[in-house]
Structure formats: C-alpha cells, structure tokens
N, C-alpha and C. Protein backbone atom coordinates (compact mmCIF):
# COMPACT_ATOMS: atom_id res chain seq x y z
N UNK A 1 65.35 171.04 84.96
CA UNK A 1 63.99 170.97 85.46
C UNK A 1 62.97 171.16 84.34
N UNK A 2 63.28 172.07 83.41
CA UNK A 2 62.37 172.32 82.31
C UNK A 2 62.22 171.09 81.42
N UNK A 3 63.30 170.32 81.28
CA UNK A 3 63.24 169.11 80.47
C UNK A 3 62.30 168.08 81.10
N UNK A 4 62.36 167.94 82.41
CA UNK A 4 61.50 166.99 83.11
C UNK A 4 60.04 167.40 82.99
N UNK A 5 59.76 168.69 83.13
CA UNK A 5 58.39 169.18 82.98
C UNK A 5 57.91 168.97 81.55
N UNK A 6 58.75 169.21 80.58
CA UNK A 6 58.40 169.00 79.17
C UNK A 6 58.09 167.54 78.88
N UNK A 7 58.89 166.65 79.41
CA UNK A 7 58.64 165.22 79.23
C UNK A 7 57.34 164.81 79.90
N UNK A 8 57.07 165.38 81.07
CA UNK A 8 55.81 165.08 81.76
C UNK A 8 54.61 165.52 80.96
N UNK A 9 54.66 166.74 80.39
CA UNK A 9 53.55 167.22 79.55
C UNK A 9 53.39 166.38 78.29
N UNK A 10 54.50 165.94 77.73
CA UNK A 10 54.46 165.09 76.54
C UNK A 10 53.78 163.75 76.85
N UNK A 11 54.09 163.18 78.00
CA UNK A 11 53.46 161.93 78.41
C UNK A 11 51.97 162.13 78.64
N UNK A 12 51.60 163.23 79.29
CA UNK A 12 50.18 163.51 79.52
C UNK A 12 49.46 163.71 78.20
N UNK A 13 50.05 164.43 77.26
CA UNK A 13 49.44 164.66 75.96
C UNK A 13 49.24 163.34 75.22
N UNK A 14 50.23 162.49 75.21
CA UNK A 14 50.11 161.19 74.54
C UNK A 14 49.04 160.32 75.20
N UNK A 15 48.93 160.40 76.51
CA UNK A 15 47.91 159.64 77.22
C UNK A 15 46.52 160.10 76.82
N UNK A 16 46.31 161.40 76.72
CA UNK A 16 45.01 161.92 76.29
C UNK A 16 44.68 161.51 74.86
N UNK A 17 45.67 161.53 73.98
CA UNK A 17 45.44 161.13 72.60
C UNK A 17 45.01 159.67 72.53
N UNK A 18 45.70 158.81 73.25
CA UNK A 18 45.35 157.38 73.25
C UNK A 18 43.98 157.17 73.87
N UNK A 19 43.68 157.88 74.94
CA UNK A 19 42.39 157.75 75.62
C UNK A 19 41.24 158.14 74.71
N UNK A 20 41.35 159.30 74.06
CA UNK A 20 40.27 159.76 73.19
C UNK A 20 40.16 158.92 71.92
N UNK A 21 41.28 158.44 71.40
CA UNK A 21 41.23 157.57 70.22
C UNK A 21 40.55 156.24 70.56
N UNK A 22 40.86 155.69 71.72
CA UNK A 22 40.21 154.44 72.14
C UNK A 22 38.71 154.65 72.33
N UNK A 23 38.33 155.79 72.86
CA UNK A 23 36.91 156.09 73.02
C UNK A 23 36.20 156.21 71.69
N UNK A 24 36.83 156.87 70.73
CA UNK A 24 36.22 157.02 69.41
C UNK A 24 36.08 155.68 68.70
N UNK A 25 37.09 154.84 68.82
CA UNK A 25 37.03 153.52 68.18
C UNK A 25 35.96 152.67 68.83
N UNK A 26 35.83 152.71 70.15
CA UNK A 26 34.81 151.90 70.81
C UNK A 26 33.41 152.40 70.47
N UNK A 27 33.22 153.71 70.33
CA UNK A 27 31.93 154.24 69.91
C UNK A 27 31.59 153.80 68.49
N UNK A 28 32.59 153.77 67.63
CA UNK A 28 32.35 153.33 66.26
C UNK A 28 31.98 151.86 66.23
N UNK A 29 32.61 151.07 67.06
CA UNK A 29 32.28 149.64 67.10
C UNK A 29 30.85 149.43 67.60
N UNK A 30 30.39 150.25 68.52
CA UNK A 30 29.02 150.12 69.03
C UNK A 30 28.00 150.50 67.96
N UNK A 31 28.33 151.51 67.14
CA UNK A 31 27.41 152.00 66.13
C UNK A 31 27.43 151.17 64.86
N UNK A 32 28.42 150.32 64.74
CA UNK A 32 28.59 149.57 63.50
C UNK A 32 27.40 148.64 63.27
N UNK A 33 26.83 148.75 62.11
CA UNK A 33 25.76 147.84 61.71
C UNK A 33 26.39 146.62 61.05
N UNK A 34 25.59 145.63 60.78
CA UNK A 34 26.13 144.39 60.21
C UNK A 34 26.61 144.64 58.78
N UNK A 35 27.90 144.94 58.68
CA UNK A 35 28.52 145.15 57.36
C UNK A 35 29.55 144.05 57.16
N UNK A 36 29.67 143.60 55.96
CA UNK A 36 30.70 142.61 55.63
C UNK A 36 31.94 143.36 55.19
N UNK A 37 32.87 143.52 56.09
CA UNK A 37 34.12 144.21 55.79
C UNK A 37 35.25 143.19 55.86
N UNK A 38 36.02 143.12 54.79
CA UNK A 38 37.11 142.17 54.76
C UNK A 38 38.32 142.66 55.56
N UNK A 39 38.56 143.96 55.56
CA UNK A 39 39.71 144.54 56.25
C UNK A 39 39.29 144.98 57.64
N UNK A 40 39.88 144.42 58.70
CA UNK A 40 39.46 144.81 60.05
C UNK A 40 39.80 146.26 60.40
N UNK A 41 40.70 146.89 59.65
CA UNK A 41 41.08 148.27 59.94
C UNK A 41 40.43 149.27 58.98
N UNK A 42 39.47 148.83 58.20
CA UNK A 42 38.86 149.72 57.22
C UNK A 42 38.08 150.85 57.88
N UNK A 43 37.59 150.63 59.12
CA UNK A 43 36.85 151.70 59.80
C UNK A 43 37.73 152.89 60.11
N UNK A 44 39.03 152.70 60.16
CA UNK A 44 39.92 153.83 60.41
C UNK A 44 39.94 154.79 59.23
N UNK A 45 39.64 154.29 58.03
CA UNK A 45 39.69 155.11 56.84
C UNK A 45 38.30 155.42 56.31
N UNK A 46 37.25 155.01 57.01
CA UNK A 46 35.87 155.23 56.59
C UNK A 46 35.44 156.62 57.08
N UNK A 47 35.79 157.63 56.31
CA UNK A 47 35.58 159.01 56.74
C UNK A 47 34.14 159.43 56.50
N UNK A 48 33.63 159.17 55.32
CA UNK A 48 32.32 159.66 54.93
C UNK A 48 31.25 158.58 55.02
N UNK A 49 31.57 157.43 55.56
CA UNK A 49 30.66 156.30 55.73
C UNK A 49 29.93 155.98 54.43
N UNK A 50 30.68 155.78 53.39
CA UNK A 50 30.10 155.46 52.08
C UNK A 50 29.95 153.97 51.93
C-alpha cells in the first residue's frame, strides 16, 4: 500500500512541476520583446536577460 501511495505522490509532484514550468514558459513568451534569437530554446538559459 505504501508503494502505491508513493507512486501517487510522485505522479502528483511531476504534474505540478510540468504545470508550473509550462506557466513560466508561457509568461516568458508573452513578455518577450522582438528579439532576433537563432536558438528557439535560448530562453531556457536566459537567466539574467542580458
């Protein structure tokens, strides 16, 4: 029973991580100004917005 509960919590935790990551990415896309970026995934590494 403990294994099933642990797997359930793991699934819930992963769901929250995906949900919040998707929200953060969509907010970044809304705030993005017209920048010429060659790499479509460069916003994932743009920490200090330099």
